[in-house]
Amino acid sequence: MNDLTPTRTAGSPPAQAELGAMNWLRGELDRMFEEFAVPGRSLLSYVPRLVSPVPAVELADTGSAYKLTAELAGLTEKDIRLEVADGVLLLASQQEESSERHEDGHLISERRHGSFRRRITLPTDADADKIEAKFKHGLLSVDIPKVEKARDHARKIKIGG
């Protein structure tokens, strides 16, 4: 067996990557069944959403903050939309490109377009007002500070008889 192959013992919780993939699949199946009865929908209307490219994203806890990184090769800072609302971070882009050139007496015209939307639910202790982002060489880095933890207010409760 390969030493790099992750293993789990029976009863141990699944890895975070496994949960993310399963949660995505569960969400897509739930959405499919909810929208299936809507007029004008068919099973084929889900194909573009299932095969469209979605950027790779990683969310890591650094202790005092969370660090989100997204691989966005081929995009510029102007192409990226990053918003936060109600504890959800939206990462989106829509890009359209067209070009025309003349070669050997022929006009060659090309058009390309693409878009994606990715919603990431922030942890409950994330401070949405202090989020900062940087973009360099196709890598988006988002720093999400944690809120100052309130002091635990614990008190002993007397049990009466």
N, C-alpha and C. Protein backbone atom coordinates (compact mmCIF):
# COMPACT_ATOMS: atom_id res chain seq x y z
N MET A 1 0.85 -1.18 0.00
CA MET A 1 0.00 0.00 0.00
C MET A 1 0.88 1.23 0.00
N ASN A 2 0.46 2.25 -0.66
CA ASN A 2 1.20 3.50 -0.75
C ASN A 2 1.15 4.23 0.59
N ASP A 3 2.28 4.71 1.08
CA ASP A 3 2.32 5.41 2.36
C ASP A 3 1.60 6.75 2.31
N LEU A 4 1.39 7.28 1.11
CA LEU A 4 0.73 8.57 0.98
C LEU A 4 -0.79 8.45 0.91
N THR A 5 -1.31 7.24 0.87
CA THR A 5 -2.74 7.03 0.80
C THR A 5 -3.35 7.28 2.17
N PRO A 6 -4.30 8.25 2.28
CA PRO A 6 -4.91 8.49 3.59
C PRO A 6 -5.77 7.31 4.00
N THR A 7 -5.70 6.96 5.25
CA THR A 7 -6.51 5.87 5.76
C THR A 7 -7.29 6.36 6.96
N ARG A 8 -8.43 5.71 7.19
CA ARG A 8 -9.25 6.02 8.35
C ARG A 8 -9.58 4.72 9.05
N THR A 9 -9.65 4.78 10.34
CA THR A 9 -10.10 3.62 11.09
C THR A 9 -11.61 3.71 11.22
N ALA A 10 -12.24 2.58 11.43
CA ALA A 10 -13.69 2.57 11.59
C ALA A 10 -14.06 3.43 12.78
N GLY A 11 -15.01 4.30 12.59
CA GLY A 11 -15.46 5.15 13.68
C GLY A 11 -14.79 6.51 13.70
N SER A 12 -13.70 6.69 12.98
CA SER A 12 -13.05 8.01 12.95
C SER A 12 -13.82 8.91 11.99
N PRO A 13 -13.86 10.21 12.30
CA PRO A 13 -14.64 11.11 11.43
C PRO A 13 -13.98 11.25 10.07
N PRO A 14 -14.77 11.50 9.02
CA PRO A 14 -14.20 11.68 7.68
C PRO A 14 -13.38 12.95 7.61
N ALA A 15 -12.44 12.98 6.69
CA ALA A 15 -11.60 14.16 6.48
C ALA A 15 -12.46 15.32 5.98
N GLN A 16 -12.00 16.55 6.22
CA GLN A 16 -12.76 17.73 5.82
C GLN A 16 -13.00 17.77 4.32
N ALA A 17 -12.02 17.31 3.53
CA ALA A 17 -12.18 17.31 2.07
C ALA A 17 -13.31 16.38 1.65
N GLU A 18 -13.43 15.23 2.35
CA GLU A 18 -14.52 14.31 2.03
C GLU A 18 -15.87 14.93 2.34
N LEU A 19 -15.95 15.63 3.47
CA LEU A 19 -17.22 16.27 3.85
C LEU A 19 -17.60 17.35 2.86
N GLY A 20 -16.63 18.13 2.38
CA GLY A 20 -16.92 19.19 1.43
C GLY A 20 -17.50 18.65 0.14
N ALA A 21 -16.91 17.59 -0.38
CA ALA A 21 -17.40 16.99 -1.62
C ALA A 21 -18.80 16.40 -1.41
N MET A 22 -19.00 15.74 -0.29
CA MET A 22 -20.31 15.14 -0.02
C MET A 22 -21.38 16.22 0.20
N ASN A 23 -21.02 17.29 0.88
CA ASN A 23 -21.99 18.38 1.08
C ASN A 23 -22.36 19.03 -0.24
N TRP A 24 -21.38 19.19 -1.15
CA TRP A 24 -21.67 19.76 -2.46
C TRP A 24 -22.63 18.84 -3.22
N LEU A 25 -22.34 17.54 -3.22
CA LEU A 25 -23.18 16.58 -3.94
C LEU A 25 -24.59 16.56 -3.34
N ARG A 26 -24.68 16.57 -2.03
CA ARG A 26 -25.99 16.56 -1.37
C ARG A 26 -26.77 17.82 -1.76
N GLY A 27 -26.10 18.97 -1.78
CA GLY A 27 -26.76 20.22 -2.16
C GLY A 27 -27.27 20.19 -3.59
N GLU A 28 -26.46 19.65 -4.51
CA GLU A 28 -26.88 19.56 -5.91
C GLU A 28 -28.08 18.62 -6.07
N LEU A 29 -28.06 17.49 -5.36
CA LEU A 29 -29.20 16.56 -5.45
C LEU A 29 -30.46 17.18 -4.86
N ASP A 30 -30.33 17.86 -3.71
CA ASP A 30 -31.49 18.53 -3.11
C ASP A 30 -32.06 19.57 -4.06
N ARG A 31 -31.19 20.38 -4.67
CA ARG A 31 -31.64 21.41 -5.60
C ARG A 31 -32.33 20.79 -6.81
N MET A 32 -31.79 19.67 -7.30
CA MET A 32 -32.38 19.02 -8.46
C MET A 32 -33.80 18.56 -8.15
N PHE A 33 -34.00 17.92 -6.99
CA PHE A 33 -35.34 17.44 -6.66
C PHE A 33 -36.30 18.59 -6.37
N GLU A 34 -35.81 19.68 -5.76
CA GLU A 34 -36.68 20.83 -5.48
C GLU A 34 -37.14 21.50 -6.77
N GLU A 35 -36.25 21.60 -7.75
CA GLU A 35 -36.57 22.32 -8.98
C GLU A 35 -37.14 21.43 -10.07
N PHE A 36 -37.18 20.13 -9.85
CA PHE A 36 -37.60 19.21 -10.89
C PHE A 36 -39.06 19.43 -11.30
N ALA A 37 -39.90 19.83 -10.34
CA ALA A 37 -41.32 20.03 -10.64
C ALA A 37 -41.61 21.39 -11.27
N VAL A 38 -40.61 22.26 -11.34
CA VAL A 38 -40.81 23.59 -11.91
C VAL A 38 -40.98 23.45 -13.43
N PRO A 39 -42.01 24.09 -14.01
CA PRO A 39 -42.22 23.99 -15.46
C PRO A 39 -41.00 24.52 -16.22
N GLY A 40 -40.66 23.85 -17.30
CA GLY A 40 -39.54 24.25 -18.12
C GLY A 40 -38.20 23.66 -17.69
N ARG A 41 -38.18 22.92 -16.61
CA ARG A 41 -36.95 22.30 -16.14
C ARG A 41 -36.90 20.86 -16.61
N SER A 42 -35.71 20.39 -16.88
CA SER A 42 -35.53 18.99 -17.20
C SER A 42 -34.19 18.57 -16.63
N LEU A 43 -33.92 17.30 -16.71
CA LEU A 43 -32.65 16.80 -16.19
C LEU A 43 -31.47 17.41 -16.93
N LEU A 44 -31.65 17.75 -18.21
CA LEU A 44 -30.56 18.32 -19.00
C LEU A 44 -30.21 19.74 -18.57
N SER A 45 -31.11 20.44 -17.88
CA SER A 45 -30.80 21.81 -17.46
C SER A 45 -29.75 21.84 -16.36
N TYR A 46 -29.43 20.69 -15.77
CA TYR A 46 -28.42 20.64 -14.71
C TYR A 46 -27.03 20.36 -15.24
N VAL A 47 -26.91 19.95 -16.48
CA VAL A 47 -25.60 19.57 -17.03
C VAL A 47 -24.61 20.72 -17.00
N PRO A 48 -24.94 21.95 -17.44
CA PRO A 48 -23.93 23.01 -17.42
C PRO A 48 -23.41 23.30 -16.02
N ARG A 49 -24.28 23.25 -15.01
CA ARG A 49 -23.85 23.54 -13.65
C ARG A 49 -22.93 22.44 -13.14
N LEU A 50 -23.16 21.22 -13.54
CA LEU A 50 -22.34 20.12 -13.04
C LEU A 50 -20.98 20.03 -13.72
N VAL A 51 -20.86 20.49 -14.96
CA VAL A 51 -19.60 20.36 -15.68
C VAL A 51 -18.85 21.68 -15.83
N SER A 52 -19.44 22.81 -15.43
CA SER A 52 -18.75 24.08 -15.58
C SER A 52 -17.59 24.15 -14.60
N PRO A 53 -16.49 24.77 -15.02
CA PRO A 53 -15.32 24.82 -14.15
C PRO A 53 -15.55 25.73 -12.95
N VAL A 54 -15.14 25.27 -11.80
CA VAL A 54 -15.23 26.02 -10.57
C VAL A 54 -13.83 26.11 -10.01
N PRO A 55 -13.39 27.29 -9.57
CA PRO A 55 -12.02 27.40 -9.09
C PRO A 55 -11.78 26.59 -7.82
N ALA A 56 -10.56 26.09 -7.70
CA ALA A 56 -10.17 25.37 -6.50
C ALA A 56 -10.03 26.38 -5.35
N VAL A 57 -10.64 26.06 -4.20
CA VAL A 57 -10.64 26.95 -3.06
C VAL A 57 -10.21 26.16 -1.82
N GLU A 58 -9.42 26.81 -0.97
CA GLU A 58 -9.00 26.19 0.29
C GLU A 58 -9.22 27.18 1.42
N LEU A 59 -9.86 26.73 2.49
CA LEU A 59 -10.08 27.56 3.67
C LEU A 59 -9.34 26.91 4.82
N ALA A 60 -8.39 27.66 5.40
CA ALA A 60 -7.56 27.12 6.48
C ALA A 60 -7.68 28.01 7.70
N ASP A 61 -7.68 27.38 8.88
CA ASP A 61 -7.71 28.07 10.16
C ASP A 61 -6.27 28.26 10.62
N THR A 62 -5.85 29.53 10.76
CA THR A 62 -4.48 29.81 11.18
C THR A 62 -4.38 30.11 12.66
N GLY A 63 -5.46 29.98 13.40
CA GLY A 63 -5.47 30.28 14.83
C GLY A 63 -6.20 31.57 15.11
N SER A 64 -5.62 32.69 14.70
CA SER A 64 -6.25 33.99 14.96
C SER A 64 -7.12 34.45 13.79
N ALA A 65 -7.04 33.73 12.68
CA ALA A 65 -7.81 34.12 11.49
C ALA A 65 -8.01 32.89 10.59
N TYR A 66 -8.79 33.10 9.55
CA TYR A 66 -8.96 32.09 8.51
C TYR A 66 -8.29 32.63 7.25
N LYS A 67 -7.74 31.75 6.47
CA LYS A 67 -7.09 32.14 5.21
C LYS A 67 -7.75 31.35 4.09
N LEU A 68 -8.35 32.08 3.15
CA LEU A 68 -8.98 31.46 1.99
C LEU A 68 -8.10 31.73 0.79
N THR A 69 -7.78 30.70 0.03
CA THR A 69 -7.03 30.89 -1.21
C THR A 69 -7.82 30.27 -2.35
N ALA A 70 -7.78 30.94 -3.48
CA ALA A 70 -8.50 30.46 -4.67
C ALA A 70 -7.58 30.60 -5.87
N GLU A 71 -7.50 29.54 -6.67
CA GLU A 71 -6.70 29.56 -7.88
C GLU A 71 -7.55 30.10 -9.03
N LEU A 72 -7.14 31.26 -9.55
CA LEU A 72 -7.91 31.93 -10.60
C LEU A 72 -7.01 32.27 -11.78
N ALA A 73 -6.36 31.25 -12.32
CA ALA A 73 -5.43 31.45 -13.43
C ALA A 73 -6.15 32.03 -14.64
N GLY A 74 -5.49 32.97 -15.29
CA GLY A 74 -6.05 33.58 -16.50
C GLY A 74 -6.94 34.76 -16.24
N LEU A 75 -7.24 35.06 -14.97
CA LEU A 75 -8.09 36.20 -14.64
C LEU A 75 -7.22 37.36 -14.15
N THR A 76 -7.78 38.55 -14.20
CA THR A 76 -7.14 39.72 -13.62
C THR A 76 -7.95 40.17 -12.42
N GLU A 77 -7.39 41.10 -11.67
CA GLU A 77 -8.08 41.62 -10.49
C GLU A 77 -9.44 42.23 -10.87
N LYS A 78 -9.52 42.84 -12.05
CA LYS A 78 -10.77 43.47 -12.51
C LYS A 78 -11.85 42.45 -12.84
N ASP A 79 -11.46 41.21 -13.15
CA ASP A 79 -12.42 40.17 -13.52
C ASP A 79 -13.11 39.55 -12.31
N ILE A 80 -12.58 39.77 -11.12
CA ILE A 80 -13.04 39.05 -9.92
C ILE A 80 -14.00 39.91 -9.12
N ARG A 81 -15.08 39.30 -8.68
CA ARG A 81 -16.04 39.96 -7.79
C ARG A 81 -16.04 39.20 -6.47
N LEU A 82 -15.79 39.91 -5.37
CA LEU A 82 -15.73 39.31 -4.04
C LEU A 82 -16.63 40.12 -3.13
N GLU A 83 -17.64 39.47 -2.56
CA GLU A 83 -18.61 40.15 -1.70
C GLU A 83 -18.89 39.29 -0.48
N VAL A 84 -19.35 39.91 0.59
CA VAL A 84 -19.78 39.17 1.77
C VAL A 84 -21.12 39.73 2.23
N ALA A 85 -22.04 38.82 2.54
CA ALA A 85 -23.36 39.21 3.04
C ALA A 85 -23.94 38.05 3.83
N ASP A 86 -24.46 38.36 5.00
CA ASP A 86 -25.13 37.36 5.85
C ASP A 86 -24.28 36.12 6.11
N GLY A 87 -22.99 36.33 6.34
CA GLY A 87 -22.11 35.21 6.67
C GLY A 87 -21.72 34.33 5.50
N VAL A 88 -21.96 34.81 4.28
CA VAL A 88 -21.61 34.04 3.08
C VAL A 88 -20.70 34.90 2.20
N LEU A 89 -19.56 34.33 1.82
CA LEU A 89 -18.63 35.00 0.93
C LEU A 89 -18.91 34.55 -0.50
N LEU A 90 -19.11 35.52 -1.39
CA LEU A 90 -19.38 35.22 -2.80
C LEU A 90 -18.14 35.53 -3.60
N LEU A 91 -17.67 34.53 -4.35
CA LEU A 91 -16.55 34.68 -5.27
C LEU A 91 -17.11 34.42 -6.66
N ALA A 92 -17.03 35.43 -7.52
CA ALA A 92 -17.64 35.29 -8.84
C ALA A 92 -16.78 35.99 -9.89
N SER A 93 -17.00 35.58 -11.13
CA SER A 93 -16.32 36.21 -12.26
C SER A 93 -17.14 35.98 -13.52
N GLN A 94 -17.11 36.98 -14.38
CA GLN A 94 -17.71 36.83 -15.70
C GLN A 94 -16.74 37.49 -16.67
N GLN A 95 -16.31 36.71 -17.65
CA GLN A 95 -15.29 37.19 -18.56
C GLN A 95 -15.75 36.96 -19.99
N GLU A 96 -15.64 38.00 -20.80
CA GLU A 96 -15.96 37.89 -22.21
C GLU A 96 -14.79 38.44 -23.01
N GLU A 97 -14.45 37.75 -24.07
CA GLU A 97 -13.30 38.15 -24.87
C GLU A 97 -13.62 37.90 -26.34
N SER A 98 -13.24 38.84 -27.18
CA SER A 98 -13.41 38.63 -28.62
C SER A 98 -12.21 39.21 -29.35
N SER A 99 -11.88 38.60 -30.47
CA SER A 99 -10.76 39.10 -31.26
C SER A 99 -11.03 38.83 -32.74
N GLU A 100 -10.48 39.69 -33.56
CA GLU A 100 -10.58 39.53 -35.02
C GLU A 100 -9.20 39.76 -35.61
N ARG A 101 -8.85 38.94 -36.59
CA ARG A 101 -7.58 39.13 -37.28
C ARG A 101 -7.72 38.65 -38.72
N HIS A 102 -6.85 39.17 -39.57
CA HIS A 102 -6.86 38.79 -40.99
C HIS A 102 -5.62 37.94 -41.26
N GLU A 103 -5.84 36.77 -41.83
CA GLU A 103 -4.74 35.89 -42.22
C GLU A 103 -5.02 35.34 -43.61
N ASP A 104 -4.09 35.50 -44.50
CA ASP A 104 -4.18 34.96 -45.86
C ASP A 104 -5.50 35.33 -46.54
N GLY A 105 -5.94 36.57 -46.35
CA GLY A 105 -7.16 37.03 -47.00
C GLY A 105 -8.44 36.56 -46.32
N HIS A 106 -8.33 35.95 -45.16
CA HIS A 106 -9.51 35.47 -44.42
C HIS A 106 -9.64 36.25 -43.11
N LEU A 107 -10.87 36.50 -42.74
CA LEU A 107 -11.15 37.13 -41.46
C LEU A 107 -11.38 36.02 -40.44
N ILE A 108 -10.61 36.04 -39.37
CA ILE A 108 -10.76 35.05 -38.30
C ILE A 108 -11.29 35.79 -37.08
N SER A 109 -12.47 35.41 -36.65
CA SER A 109 -13.13 36.04 -35.51
C SER A 109 -13.33 34.98 -34.42
N GLU A 110 -12.91 35.32 -33.22
CA GLU A 110 -13.07 34.38 -32.09
C GLU A 110 -13.76 35.10 -30.95
N ARG A 111 -14.65 34.36 -30.28
CA ARG A 111 -15.33 34.88 -29.09
C ARG A 111 -15.29 33.82 -28.02
N ARG A 112 -14.99 34.25 -26.82
CA ARG A 112 -14.99 33.33 -25.68
C ARG A 112 -15.69 34.02 -24.51
N HIS A 113 -16.38 33.24 -23.74
CA HIS A 113 -16.97 33.77 -22.52
C HIS A 113 -17.04 32.65 -21.48
N GLY A 114 -17.05 33.06 -20.25
CA GLY A 114 -17.13 32.10 -19.17
C GLY A 114 -17.48 32.82 -17.88
N SER A 115 -18.05 32.10 -16.96
CA SER A 115 -18.39 32.69 -15.67
C SER A 115 -18.47 31.59 -14.63
N PHE A 116 -18.33 32.01 -13.39
CA PHE A 116 -18.54 31.09 -12.27
C PHE A 116 -19.02 31.90 -11.08
N ARG A 117 -19.66 31.22 -10.17
CA ARG A 117 -20.11 31.79 -8.89
C ARG A 117 -19.85 30.73 -7.84
N ARG A 118 -19.20 31.12 -6.80
CA ARG A 118 -18.92 30.18 -5.70
C ARG A 118 -19.27 30.86 -4.40
N ARG A 119 -20.10 30.23 -3.61
CA ARG A 119 -20.51 30.77 -2.30
C ARG A 119 -19.84 29.93 -1.21
N ILE A 120 -19.19 30.62 -0.28
CA ILE A 120 -18.52 29.94 0.82
C ILE A 120 -19.13 30.45 2.12
N THR A 121 -19.72 29.56 2.90
CA THR A 121 -20.29 29.94 4.18
C THR A 121 -19.14 30.13 5.17
N LEU A 122 -19.10 31.32 5.77
CA LEU A 122 -18.03 31.63 6.70
C LEU A 122 -18.30 31.01 8.06
N PRO A 123 -17.26 30.66 8.79
CA PRO A 123 -17.45 30.15 10.16
C PRO A 123 -18.12 31.24 11.02
N THR A 124 -18.79 30.82 12.08
CA THR A 124 -19.56 31.77 12.90
C THR A 124 -18.68 32.80 13.60
N ASP A 125 -17.42 32.48 13.84
CA ASP A 125 -16.54 33.44 14.53
C ASP A 125 -15.74 34.32 13.56
N ALA A 126 -16.10 34.33 12.28
CA ALA A 126 -15.41 35.17 11.30
C ALA A 126 -15.90 36.61 11.42
N ASP A 127 -14.98 37.57 11.33
CA ASP A 127 -15.31 38.99 11.39
C ASP A 127 -15.44 39.51 9.97
N ALA A 128 -16.66 39.55 9.46
CA ALA A 128 -16.91 39.91 8.06
C ALA A 128 -16.53 41.36 7.75
N ASP A 129 -16.50 42.23 8.76
CA ASP A 129 -16.18 43.65 8.53
C ASP A 129 -14.70 43.90 8.31
N LYS A 130 -13.84 42.94 8.63
CA LYS A 130 -12.40 43.16 8.54
C LYS A 130 -11.72 42.26 7.50
N ILE A 131 -12.48 41.72 6.57
CA ILE A 131 -11.93 40.84 5.54
C ILE A 131 -11.07 41.66 4.57
N GLU A 132 -9.90 41.13 4.24
CA GLU A 132 -9.01 41.77 3.27
C GLU A 132 -8.61 40.74 2.23
N ALA A 133 -8.40 41.21 0.98
CA ALA A 133 -8.05 40.30 -0.11
C ALA A 133 -6.89 40.86 -0.93
N LYS A 134 -6.07 39.93 -1.45
CA LYS A 134 -4.96 40.28 -2.33
C LYS A 134 -4.99 39.32 -3.52
N PHE A 135 -4.58 39.81 -4.67
CA PHE A 135 -4.54 38.98 -5.87
C PHE A 135 -3.19 39.15 -6.54
N LYS A 136 -2.49 38.03 -6.74
CA LYS A 136 -1.18 38.09 -7.37
C LYS A 136 -0.90 36.79 -8.10
N HIS A 137 -0.50 36.90 -9.36
CA HIS A 137 -0.11 35.75 -10.18
C HIS A 137 -1.19 34.65 -10.22
N GLY A 138 -2.45 35.06 -10.34
CA GLY A 138 -3.54 34.09 -10.46
C GLY A 138 -3.99 33.46 -9.16
N LEU A 139 -3.48 33.94 -8.02
CA LEU A 139 -3.85 33.39 -6.72
C LEU A 139 -4.51 34.47 -5.88
N LEU A 140 -5.76 34.23 -5.51
CA LEU A 140 -6.49 35.15 -4.64
C LEU A 140 -6.30 34.70 -3.21
N SER A 141 -5.84 35.61 -2.34
CA SER A 141 -5.67 35.31 -0.91
C SER A 141 -6.60 36.21 -0.13
N VAL A 142 -7.46 35.62 0.67
CA VAL A 142 -8.43 36.37 1.47
C VAL A 142 -8.16 36.08 2.93
N ASP A 143 -7.88 37.15 3.70
CA ASP A 143 -7.65 37.03 5.14
C ASP A 143 -8.94 37.37 5.86
N ILE A 144 -9.42 36.43 6.67
CA ILE A 144 -10.68 36.60 7.39
C ILE A 144 -10.38 36.52 8.88
N PRO A 145 -10.26 37.67 9.55
CA PRO A 145 -9.96 37.64 10.98
C PRO A 145 -11.12 37.05 11.78
N LYS A 146 -10.77 36.53 12.95
CA LYS A 146 -11.80 36.02 13.86
C LYS A 146 -12.22 37.15 14.80
N VAL A 147 -13.48 37.11 15.26
CA VAL A 147 -13.95 38.10 16.22
C VAL A 147 -13.29 37.83 17.56
N GLU A 148 -13.13 38.89 18.33
CA GLU A 148 -12.59 38.73 19.68
C GLU A 148 -13.59 37.89 20.47
N LYS A 149 -13.09 36.84 21.06
CA LYS A 149 -14.00 35.98 21.82
C LYS A 149 -14.40 36.67 23.12
N ALA A 150 -15.67 36.66 23.36
CA ALA A 150 -16.17 37.24 24.59
C ALA A 150 -15.77 36.35 25.76
N ARG A 151 -15.53 36.98 26.87
CA ARG A 151 -15.14 36.21 28.06
C ARG A 151 -16.28 35.26 28.43
N ASP A 152 -15.93 34.04 28.75
CA ASP A 152 -16.95 33.08 29.15
C ASP A 152 -17.60 33.53 30.44
N HIS A 153 -18.90 33.65 30.37
CA HIS A 153 -19.66 34.00 31.57
C HIS A 153 -20.26 32.73 32.14
N ALA A 154 -19.56 32.15 33.09
CA ALA A 154 -20.02 30.91 33.71
C ALA A 154 -20.33 31.20 35.17
N ARG A 155 -21.40 30.65 35.62
CA ARG A 155 -21.73 30.78 37.03
C ARG A 155 -22.36 29.48 37.50
N LYS A 156 -22.17 29.22 38.75
CA LYS A 156 -22.72 28.00 39.33
C LYS A 156 -24.18 28.26 39.67
N ILE A 157 -25.01 27.29 39.33
CA ILE A 157 -26.44 27.42 39.59
C ILE A 157 -26.79 26.53 40.77
N LYS A 158 -27.40 27.16 41.77
CA LYS A 158 -27.78 26.43 42.97
C LYS A 158 -29.04 25.62 42.67
N ILE A 159 -29.01 24.39 43.07
CA ILE A 159 -30.15 23.50 42.85
C ILE A 159 -30.94 23.44 44.16
N GLY A 160 -32.19 23.87 44.08
CA GLY A 160 -33.04 23.88 45.26
C GLY A 160 -33.77 22.57 45.44
N GLY A 161 -34.16 22.29 46.62
CA GLY A 161 -34.81 21.01 46.90
C GLY A 161 -36.17 21.09 47.40
